[in-house]
Each structure stands twice: as structure tokens, then as C-alpha cells.
Amino acid sequence: MSIYKDIQDAFILLPSKYYKLILLVGPIGSGKTQILKKISSDYNYDYINLNLKLSEKLINIPFEERCYYVDDFMEEILSQSKTDVTILDNIEILFAPHLKIDPLKMLKNMSKYKKIITSWGGSYINGILTYAEPGYPEYRRYKKDDLDIIVINVEGGR
């Protein structure tokens, strides 16, 4: 499959990048999780279900205070990964409006210290990266000039 070739090529470029972040972009049902699990298995990289890990840490924190803990909890979760590359899947929790964070900015900052490949439920078309649809509170839109990361599109059904 060419998606695996794209990812291998991205791994070659990663050490020369300031932000060591690869986004695997596609809509729900496009096979991102399957691809990430295969990469994790093939290369023996740690695979983290971020929704699960972060929600376990936030559950006992009062709802309105969770935004103050997200950075520390993310650092803690990533520090537990002992492999050269960490795979983050199911990152939807980062887009929760009450957490008051910019998910891409957070991932980029974390990737300065640890190589990360993650799923991104959205699209990358004509230099515009989006998450969710306009009108939803989780909606995000980024221009190519603001990225400085590696973006790989996943075609539906792969």
C-alpha cells in the first residue's frame, strides 16, 4: 500500500524537522486506526489510545478545572512511552471546548521532544487542514503556512 510508503518516507524526513509530528489525516472510517496499529506492530512503537489515557487522568478533576491539567497530563502520558516514536490514536478529547487548548499547537509542542505520529479526523485539502465541520464547537482550521509538520492523507476505505 502506498500509505505505508508515504509513512516510511515521512520517518526519513522526521529527524530534520523542528516539529517531529506526522498527522495521518482522514475522515472517520478511513482506516487510520488500522494503519497506526500496523505501524505500531511492525516497528514495535508504543500505541496510545489518547481518549482513554487522558480521560482516565481527568475524570477526578472538576470539569471547569480540567483545562489547567491537560498539559501536565499529556507530558506524563508521553513520558511513559519508551519507544523512539509514539503513536497517538483517538485524539478527539483534545478538541473538547472545555479544555481550552489548541490541539495542533499542543501536539506540535510535545513533538519537539518526542517523535509522534497521530490520527487526525478531518481533511487536508489545498493546503488547509481541518478538524470537524464548520459550526461545530470542535471545528478547527489551519493554513499550510501554520503547520510545519508532515501531513499524510488517508483515502477512505484503505
N, C-alpha and C. Protein backbone atom coordinates (compact mmCIF):
# COMPACT_ATOMS: atom_id res chain seq x y z
N MET A 1 0.84 -1.20 0.00
CA MET A 1 0.00 0.00 0.00
C MET A 1 0.87 1.24 0.00
N SER A 2 0.46 2.22 -0.72
CA SER A 2 1.28 3.43 -0.84
C SER A 2 1.26 4.26 0.44
N ILE A 3 0.23 4.12 1.27
CA ILE A 3 0.19 4.89 2.52
C ILE A 3 1.37 4.51 3.41
N TYR A 4 1.75 3.24 3.42
CA TYR A 4 2.89 2.80 4.22
C TYR A 4 4.20 3.34 3.66
N LYS A 5 4.28 3.46 2.34
CA LYS A 5 5.46 4.07 1.71
C LYS A 5 5.53 5.54 2.09
N ASP A 6 4.39 6.23 2.07
CA ASP A 6 4.36 7.64 2.48
C ASP A 6 4.83 7.80 3.93
N ILE A 7 4.41 6.89 4.78
CA ILE A 7 4.80 6.96 6.19
C ILE A 7 6.30 6.66 6.35
N GLN A 8 6.81 5.68 5.63
CA GLN A 8 8.25 5.39 5.67
C GLN A 8 9.05 6.60 5.20
N ASP A 9 8.60 7.24 4.14
CA ASP A 9 9.27 8.45 3.65
C ASP A 9 9.22 9.56 4.70
N ALA A 10 8.09 9.68 5.39
CA ALA A 10 7.94 10.69 6.43
C ALA A 10 8.92 10.43 7.59
N PHE A 11 9.10 9.15 7.94
CA PHE A 11 10.04 8.82 9.02
C PHE A 11 11.46 9.24 8.66
N ILE A 12 11.79 9.18 7.38
CA ILE A 12 13.13 9.59 6.93
C ILE A 12 13.30 11.10 7.11
N LEU A 13 12.24 11.87 6.81
CA LEU A 13 12.29 13.33 6.92
C LEU A 13 12.21 13.82 8.37
N LEU A 14 11.61 13.05 9.23
CA LEU A 14 11.29 13.49 10.59
C LEU A 14 12.47 14.05 11.38
N PRO A 15 13.64 13.41 11.37
CA PRO A 15 14.75 13.95 12.18
C PRO A 15 15.19 15.35 11.79
N SER A 16 14.94 15.75 10.55
CA SER A 16 15.37 17.08 10.12
C SER A 16 14.33 18.17 10.41
N LYS A 17 13.17 17.77 10.92
CA LYS A 17 12.09 18.72 11.20
C LYS A 17 12.20 19.25 12.62
N TYR A 18 11.78 20.50 12.81
CA TYR A 18 11.73 21.08 14.16
C TYR A 18 10.64 20.40 14.97
N TYR A 19 9.43 20.31 14.36
CA TYR A 19 8.34 19.57 14.99
C TYR A 19 8.36 18.17 14.40
N LYS A 20 8.54 17.19 15.24
CA LYS A 20 8.63 15.81 14.80
C LYS A 20 7.26 15.16 14.91
N LEU A 21 6.35 15.67 14.07
CA LEU A 21 4.95 15.28 14.13
C LEU A 21 4.45 14.89 12.75
N ILE A 22 3.83 13.71 12.69
CA ILE A 22 3.19 13.23 11.47
C ILE A 22 1.70 13.10 11.76
N LEU A 23 0.88 13.77 10.97
CA LEU A 23 -0.56 13.63 11.08
C LEU A 23 -1.05 12.70 9.99
N LEU A 24 -1.78 11.68 10.38
CA LEU A 24 -2.43 10.78 9.45
C LEU A 24 -3.88 11.26 9.36
N VAL A 25 -4.22 11.96 8.28
CA VAL A 25 -5.48 12.68 8.17
C VAL A 25 -6.49 11.94 7.32
N GLY A 26 -7.71 11.84 7.86
CA GLY A 26 -8.79 11.23 7.11
C GLY A 26 -10.07 11.25 7.93
N PRO A 27 -11.18 11.05 7.27
CA PRO A 27 -12.46 11.04 7.98
C PRO A 27 -12.63 9.76 8.81
N ILE A 28 -13.64 9.76 9.66
CA ILE A 28 -13.98 8.56 10.42
C ILE A 28 -14.24 7.43 9.44
N GLY A 29 -13.69 6.26 9.74
CA GLY A 29 -13.89 5.11 8.87
C GLY A 29 -12.89 4.98 7.74
N SER A 30 -11.88 5.84 7.73
CA SER A 30 -10.90 5.80 6.64
C SER A 30 -9.76 4.82 6.91
N GLY A 31 -9.75 4.17 8.07
CA GLY A 31 -8.74 3.16 8.35
C GLY A 31 -7.51 3.65 9.09
N LYS A 32 -7.58 4.84 9.67
CA LYS A 32 -6.41 5.40 10.37
C LYS A 32 -5.96 4.51 11.52
N THR A 33 -6.91 4.03 12.32
CA THR A 33 -6.56 3.20 13.47
C THR A 33 -5.88 1.92 13.03
N GLN A 34 -6.41 1.27 12.01
CA GLN A 34 -5.82 0.04 11.49
C GLN A 34 -4.37 0.30 11.02
N ILE A 35 -4.16 1.40 10.32
CA ILE A 35 -2.83 1.74 9.84
C ILE A 35 -1.88 1.99 11.01
N LEU A 36 -2.34 2.77 12.01
CA LEU A 36 -1.49 3.07 13.16
C LEU A 36 -1.15 1.82 13.96
N LYS A 37 -2.11 0.92 14.11
CA LYS A 37 -1.83 -0.33 14.85
C LYS A 37 -0.84 -1.19 14.09
N LYS A 38 -0.93 -1.22 12.75
CA LYS A 38 0.04 -1.99 11.95
C LYS A 38 1.45 -1.40 12.09
N ILE A 39 1.54 -0.08 12.05
CA ILE A 39 2.85 0.57 12.22
C ILE A 39 3.40 0.26 13.61
N SER A 40 2.55 0.33 14.61
CA SER A 40 2.96 0.02 15.98
C SER A 40 3.49 -1.40 16.07
N SER A 41 2.78 -2.32 15.45
CA SER A 41 3.19 -3.72 15.46
C SER A 41 4.47 -3.96 14.66
N ASP A 42 4.53 -3.40 13.45
CA ASP A 42 5.68 -3.62 12.57
C ASP A 42 6.98 -3.04 13.14
N TYR A 43 6.89 -1.86 13.79
CA TYR A 43 8.09 -1.17 14.26
C TYR A 43 8.26 -1.24 15.78
N ASN A 44 7.31 -1.89 16.44
CA ASN A 44 7.34 -2.02 17.90
C ASN A 44 7.32 -0.64 18.59
N TYR A 45 6.50 0.26 18.07
CA TYR A 45 6.31 1.58 18.68
C TYR A 45 5.15 1.52 19.66
N ASP A 46 5.23 2.30 20.71
CA ASP A 46 4.14 2.38 21.67
C ASP A 46 2.92 2.99 21.01
N TYR A 47 1.77 2.37 21.23
CA TYR A 47 0.48 2.83 20.71
C TYR A 47 -0.35 3.28 21.90
N ILE A 48 -0.83 4.52 21.86
CA ILE A 48 -1.60 5.07 22.96
C ILE A 48 -2.97 5.53 22.46
N ASN A 49 -4.01 5.02 23.10
CA ASN A 49 -5.37 5.49 22.86
C ASN A 49 -5.54 6.72 23.75
N LEU A 50 -5.37 7.89 23.17
CA LEU A 50 -5.33 9.12 23.96
C LEU A 50 -6.66 9.42 24.65
N ASN A 51 -7.77 9.18 23.98
CA ASN A 51 -9.06 9.41 24.64
C ASN A 51 -9.13 8.65 25.95
N LEU A 52 -8.71 7.40 25.94
CA LEU A 52 -8.76 6.56 27.13
C LEU A 52 -7.79 7.05 28.20
N LYS A 53 -6.52 7.23 27.83
CA LYS A 53 -5.49 7.61 28.81
C LYS A 53 -5.75 8.97 29.44
N LEU A 54 -6.10 9.96 28.61
CA LEU A 54 -6.30 11.31 29.14
C LEU A 54 -7.59 11.40 29.96
N SER A 55 -8.63 10.72 29.51
CA SER A 55 -9.89 10.76 30.27
C SER A 55 -9.74 10.09 31.62
N GLU A 56 -8.91 9.03 31.70
CA GLU A 56 -8.65 8.38 33.00
C GLU A 56 -8.00 9.36 33.98
N LYS A 57 -7.15 10.23 33.47
CA LYS A 57 -6.47 11.20 34.33
C LYS A 57 -7.37 12.38 34.70
N LEU A 58 -8.25 12.75 33.78
CA LEU A 58 -9.10 13.93 34.00
C LEU A 58 -10.38 13.63 34.79
N ILE A 59 -10.75 12.37 34.89
CA ILE A 59 -12.07 12.04 35.42
C ILE A 59 -12.33 12.55 36.84
N ASN A 60 -11.31 12.59 37.67
CA ASN A 60 -11.50 13.05 39.05
C ASN A 60 -11.25 14.54 39.23
N ILE A 61 -10.95 15.23 38.15
CA ILE A 61 -10.73 16.68 38.19
C ILE A 61 -12.06 17.37 37.89
N PRO A 62 -12.45 18.37 38.69
CA PRO A 62 -13.68 19.09 38.38
C PRO A 62 -13.67 19.61 36.94
N PHE A 63 -14.81 19.50 36.29
CA PHE A 63 -14.97 19.83 34.87
C PHE A 63 -14.34 21.17 34.51
N GLU A 64 -14.63 22.21 35.28
CA GLU A 64 -14.16 23.56 34.95
C GLU A 64 -12.67 23.75 35.23
N GLU A 65 -12.02 22.80 35.90
CA GLU A 65 -10.59 22.91 36.20
C GLU A 65 -9.71 22.04 35.30
N ARG A 66 -10.31 21.22 34.48
CA ARG A 66 -9.55 20.28 33.65
C ARG A 66 -8.57 20.97 32.72
N CYS A 67 -8.91 22.16 32.27
CA CYS A 67 -8.04 22.88 31.33
C CYS A 67 -6.67 23.18 31.95
N TYR A 68 -6.59 23.24 33.26
CA TYR A 68 -5.33 23.54 33.93
C TYR A 68 -4.39 22.33 34.03
N TYR A 69 -4.91 21.16 33.76
CA TYR A 69 -4.14 19.92 33.95
C TYR A 69 -3.74 19.23 32.65
N VAL A 70 -4.34 19.64 31.54
CA VAL A 70 -4.14 18.92 30.28
C VAL A 70 -2.67 18.86 29.87
N ASP A 71 -1.96 19.97 29.91
CA ASP A 71 -0.54 19.97 29.51
C ASP A 71 0.28 18.98 30.33
N ASP A 72 0.12 19.04 31.64
CA ASP A 72 0.89 18.15 32.51
C ASP A 72 0.54 16.68 32.27
N PHE A 73 -0.75 16.40 32.12
CA PHE A 73 -1.17 15.02 31.88
C PHE A 73 -0.66 14.52 30.53
N MET A 74 -0.66 15.37 29.52
CA MET A 74 -0.14 14.97 28.21
C MET A 74 1.35 14.65 28.31
N GLU A 75 2.09 15.49 29.00
CA GLU A 75 3.52 15.23 29.18
C GLU A 75 3.74 13.91 29.92
N GLU A 76 2.93 13.67 30.94
CA GLU A 76 3.05 12.43 31.70
C GLU A 76 2.75 11.20 30.82
N ILE A 77 1.70 11.29 30.04
CA ILE A 77 1.33 10.18 29.16
C ILE A 77 2.45 9.91 28.15
N LEU A 78 2.97 10.95 27.53
CA LEU A 78 4.04 10.77 26.54
C LEU A 78 5.34 10.31 27.17
N SER A 79 5.61 10.72 28.40
CA SER A 79 6.85 10.31 29.06
C SER A 79 6.84 8.81 29.39
N GLN A 80 5.67 8.22 29.47
CA GLN A 80 5.57 6.79 29.74
C GLN A 80 5.89 5.95 28.51
N SER A 81 5.89 6.57 27.35
CA SER A 81 6.26 5.87 26.13
C SER A 81 7.77 5.80 26.05
N LYS A 82 8.27 4.60 25.87
CA LYS A 82 9.73 4.40 25.86
C LYS A 82 10.30 4.14 24.48
N THR A 83 9.45 4.20 23.45
CA THR A 83 9.94 3.95 22.10
C THR A 83 10.32 5.26 21.41
N ASP A 84 11.10 5.14 20.36
CA ASP A 84 11.60 6.29 19.60
C ASP A 84 10.47 7.13 19.03
N VAL A 85 9.42 6.46 18.60
CA VAL A 85 8.24 7.11 18.05
C VAL A 85 7.04 6.68 18.88
N THR A 86 6.19 7.63 19.20
CA THR A 86 4.96 7.31 19.93
C THR A 86 3.77 7.52 19.00
N ILE A 87 2.87 6.54 18.99
CA ILE A 87 1.68 6.62 18.17
C ILE A 87 0.51 7.01 19.06
N LEU A 88 -0.13 8.12 18.71
CA LEU A 88 -1.32 8.57 19.42
C LEU A 88 -2.53 8.37 18.51
N ASP A 89 -3.53 7.68 19.03
CA ASP A 89 -4.76 7.48 18.27
C ASP A 89 -5.93 7.95 19.12
N ASN A 90 -7.04 8.19 18.46
CA ASN A 90 -8.25 8.63 19.16
C ASN A 90 -7.96 9.88 19.99
N ILE A 91 -7.64 10.95 19.30
CA ILE A 91 -7.24 12.20 19.98
C ILE A 91 -8.40 13.18 20.13
N GLU A 92 -9.61 12.72 19.88
CA GLU A 92 -10.77 13.62 19.88
C GLU A 92 -10.92 14.41 21.17
N ILE A 93 -10.51 13.85 22.28
CA ILE A 93 -10.64 14.53 23.57
C ILE A 93 -9.93 15.89 23.57
N LEU A 94 -8.86 16.01 22.80
CA LEU A 94 -8.12 17.28 22.77
C LEU A 94 -8.95 18.42 22.19
N PHE A 95 -9.99 18.10 21.46
CA PHE A 95 -10.82 19.12 20.82
C PHE A 95 -12.01 19.54 21.68
N ALA A 96 -12.14 18.96 22.86
CA ALA A 96 -13.24 19.32 23.76
C ALA A 96 -13.11 20.79 24.13
N PRO A 97 -14.13 21.60 23.84
CA PRO A 97 -14.03 23.04 24.09
C PRO A 97 -13.70 23.42 25.53
N HIS A 98 -14.16 22.63 26.50
CA HIS A 98 -13.92 22.99 27.90
C HIS A 98 -12.45 22.86 28.29
N LEU A 99 -11.64 22.17 27.48
CA LEU A 99 -10.21 22.05 27.79
C LEU A 99 -9.44 23.30 27.38
N LYS A 100 -10.04 24.13 26.53
CA LYS A 100 -9.48 25.43 26.16
C LYS A 100 -8.04 25.35 25.64
N ILE A 101 -7.80 24.39 24.76
CA ILE A 101 -6.47 24.25 24.17
C ILE A 101 -6.58 24.28 22.65
N ASP A 102 -5.45 24.54 22.02
CA ASP A 102 -5.33 24.38 20.57
C ASP A 102 -4.66 23.02 20.37
N PRO A 103 -5.42 22.01 19.95
CA PRO A 103 -4.86 20.66 19.86
C PRO A 103 -3.61 20.55 18.99
N LEU A 104 -3.60 21.22 17.84
CA LEU A 104 -2.43 21.13 16.97
C LEU A 104 -1.22 21.77 17.63
N LYS A 105 -1.42 22.92 18.24
CA LYS A 105 -0.31 23.58 18.93
C LYS A 105 0.25 22.68 20.04
N MET A 106 -0.64 22.04 20.79
CA MET A 106 -0.19 21.14 21.85
C MET A 106 0.62 19.97 21.28
N LEU A 107 0.11 19.35 20.22
CA LEU A 107 0.82 18.22 19.61
C LEU A 107 2.17 18.66 19.05
N LYS A 108 2.20 19.83 18.42
CA LYS A 108 3.47 20.33 17.90
C LYS A 108 4.47 20.55 19.03
N ASN A 109 4.04 21.18 20.11
CA ASN A 109 4.95 21.42 21.23
C ASN A 109 5.47 20.13 21.82
N MET A 110 4.60 19.14 21.97
CA MET A 110 5.03 17.84 22.51
C MET A 110 6.01 17.16 21.56
N SER A 111 5.85 17.39 20.25
CA SER A 111 6.70 16.71 19.27
C SER A 111 8.09 17.33 19.15
N LYS A 112 8.34 18.41 19.84
CA LYS A 112 9.70 18.96 19.86
C LYS A 112 10.62 18.02 20.64
N TYR A 113 10.04 17.24 21.53
CA TYR A 113 10.82 16.38 22.43
C TYR A 113 10.63 14.90 22.17
N LYS A 114 9.58 14.55 21.43
CA LYS A 114 9.27 13.15 21.17
C LYS A 114 8.64 13.04 19.79
N LYS A 115 9.10 12.09 19.00
CA LYS A 115 8.52 11.88 17.67
C LYS A 115 7.13 11.28 17.84
N ILE A 116 6.16 11.90 17.16
CA ILE A 116 4.76 11.49 17.30
C ILE A 116 4.14 11.29 15.93
N ILE A 117 3.39 10.20 15.81
CA ILE A 117 2.52 10.02 14.65
C ILE A 117 1.11 9.85 15.24
N THR A 118 0.17 10.60 14.69
CA THR A 118 -1.17 10.58 15.25
C THR A 118 -2.24 10.64 14.17
N SER A 119 -3.40 10.15 14.55
CA SER A 119 -4.56 10.25 13.66
C SER A 119 -5.15 11.65 13.78
N TRP A 120 -5.80 12.08 12.73
CA TRP A 120 -6.46 13.40 12.72
C TRP A 120 -7.75 13.24 11.93
N GLY A 121 -8.86 13.32 12.62
CA GLY A 121 -10.16 13.13 11.98
C GLY A 121 -10.62 14.37 11.26
N GLY A 122 -10.21 14.51 10.05
CA GLY A 122 -10.58 15.70 9.28
C GLY A 122 -10.10 15.58 7.86
N SER A 123 -9.66 16.70 7.31
CA SER A 123 -9.19 16.69 5.93
C SER A 123 -8.01 17.64 5.76
N TYR A 124 -7.25 17.39 4.71
CA TYR A 124 -6.16 18.27 4.30
C TYR A 124 -6.30 18.46 2.80
N ILE A 125 -6.88 19.60 2.42
CA ILE A 125 -7.17 19.86 1.01
C ILE A 125 -6.67 21.26 0.66
N ASN A 126 -5.89 21.35 -0.44
CA ASN A 126 -5.38 22.63 -0.92
C ASN A 126 -4.68 23.44 0.17
N GLY A 127 -3.87 22.75 0.98
CA GLY A 127 -3.10 23.44 2.00
C GLY A 127 -3.89 23.86 3.23
N ILE A 128 -5.11 23.36 3.37
CA ILE A 128 -5.93 23.69 4.53
C ILE A 128 -6.21 22.41 5.31
N LEU A 129 -5.80 22.39 6.57
CA LEU A 129 -6.05 21.27 7.48
C LEU A 129 -7.27 21.62 8.32
N THR A 130 -8.25 20.73 8.33
CA THR A 130 -9.44 20.98 9.14
C THR A 130 -9.71 19.80 10.05
N TYR A 131 -10.43 20.09 11.11
CA TYR A 131 -10.94 19.07 12.02
C TYR A 131 -12.41 19.40 12.24
N ALA A 132 -13.27 18.41 12.08
CA ALA A 132 -14.73 18.57 12.22
C ALA A 132 -15.27 19.48 11.12
N GLU A 133 -16.50 19.86 11.26
CA GLU A 133 -17.18 20.68 10.26
C GLU A 133 -17.46 22.07 10.82
N PRO A 134 -17.48 23.09 9.97
CA PRO A 134 -17.83 24.43 10.46
C PRO A 134 -19.18 24.40 11.18
N GLY A 135 -19.26 25.17 12.25
CA GLY A 135 -20.49 25.21 13.03
C GLY A 135 -20.43 24.35 14.28
N TYR A 136 -19.51 23.37 14.31
CA TYR A 136 -19.34 22.54 15.50
C TYR A 136 -18.31 23.20 16.41
N PRO A 137 -18.48 23.08 17.74
CA PRO A 137 -17.53 23.72 18.66
C PRO A 137 -16.11 23.15 18.55
N GLU A 138 -15.98 21.93 18.04
CA GLU A 138 -14.65 21.30 17.90
C GLU A 138 -13.94 21.73 16.61
N TYR A 139 -14.63 22.43 15.75
CA TYR A 139 -14.08 22.78 14.44
C TYR A 139 -12.77 23.56 14.56
N ARG A 140 -11.79 23.15 13.76
CA ARG A 140 -10.50 23.84 13.68
C ARG A 140 -10.10 23.91 12.22
N ARG A 141 -9.40 24.98 11.88
CA ARG A 141 -8.92 25.19 10.50
C ARG A 141 -7.53 25.80 10.58
N TYR A 142 -6.58 25.19 9.87
CA TYR A 142 -5.20 25.66 9.87
C TYR A 142 -4.72 25.79 8.44
N LYS A 143 -3.96 26.84 8.16
CA LYS A 143 -3.37 27.02 6.83
C LYS A 143 -2.01 26.32 6.79
N LYS A 144 -1.61 25.93 5.60
CA LYS A 144 -0.34 25.23 5.41
C LYS A 144 0.83 25.98 6.05
N ASP A 145 0.82 27.31 5.95
CA ASP A 145 1.91 28.12 6.50
C ASP A 145 2.04 27.99 8.02
N ASP A 146 0.96 27.60 8.69
CA ASP A 146 0.96 27.47 10.14
C ASP A 146 1.32 26.06 10.61
N LEU A 147 1.57 25.15 9.69
CA LEU A 147 1.73 23.75 10.07
C LEU A 147 3.17 23.38 10.45
N ASP A 148 4.09 23.40 9.49
CA ASP A 148 5.48 22.99 9.71
C ASP A 148 5.56 21.58 10.29
N ILE A 149 4.70 20.70 9.79
CA ILE A 149 4.67 19.29 10.19
C ILE A 149 4.47 18.46 8.94
N ILE A 150 4.47 17.14 9.10
CA ILE A 150 4.22 16.25 7.96
C ILE A 150 2.77 15.80 8.02
N VAL A 151 2.06 15.99 6.91
CA VAL A 151 0.64 15.61 6.82
C VAL A 151 0.52 14.55 5.73
N ILE A 152 -0.13 13.43 6.09
CA ILE A 152 -0.36 12.34 5.13
C ILE A 152 -1.86 12.11 5.06
N ASN A 153 -2.42 12.22 3.88
CA ASN A 153 -3.84 11.96 3.68
C ASN A 153 -4.09 10.46 3.56
N VAL A 154 -5.15 10.01 4.22
CA VAL A 154 -5.59 8.61 4.13
C VAL A 154 -6.86 8.61 3.30
N GLU A 155 -6.89 7.82 2.26
CA GLU A 155 -8.08 7.72 1.42
C GLU A 155 -9.12 6.86 2.12
N GLY A 156 -10.37 7.16 1.94
CA GLY A 156 -11.44 6.37 2.55
C GLY A 156 -11.38 4.91 2.13
N GLY A 157 -11.59 4.03 3.09
CA GLY A 157 -11.66 2.59 2.79
C GLY A 157 -10.33 1.87 2.77
N ARG A 158 -9.24 2.54 3.00
CA ARG A 158 -7.95 1.85 2.99
C ARG A 158 -7.70 1.14 4.28
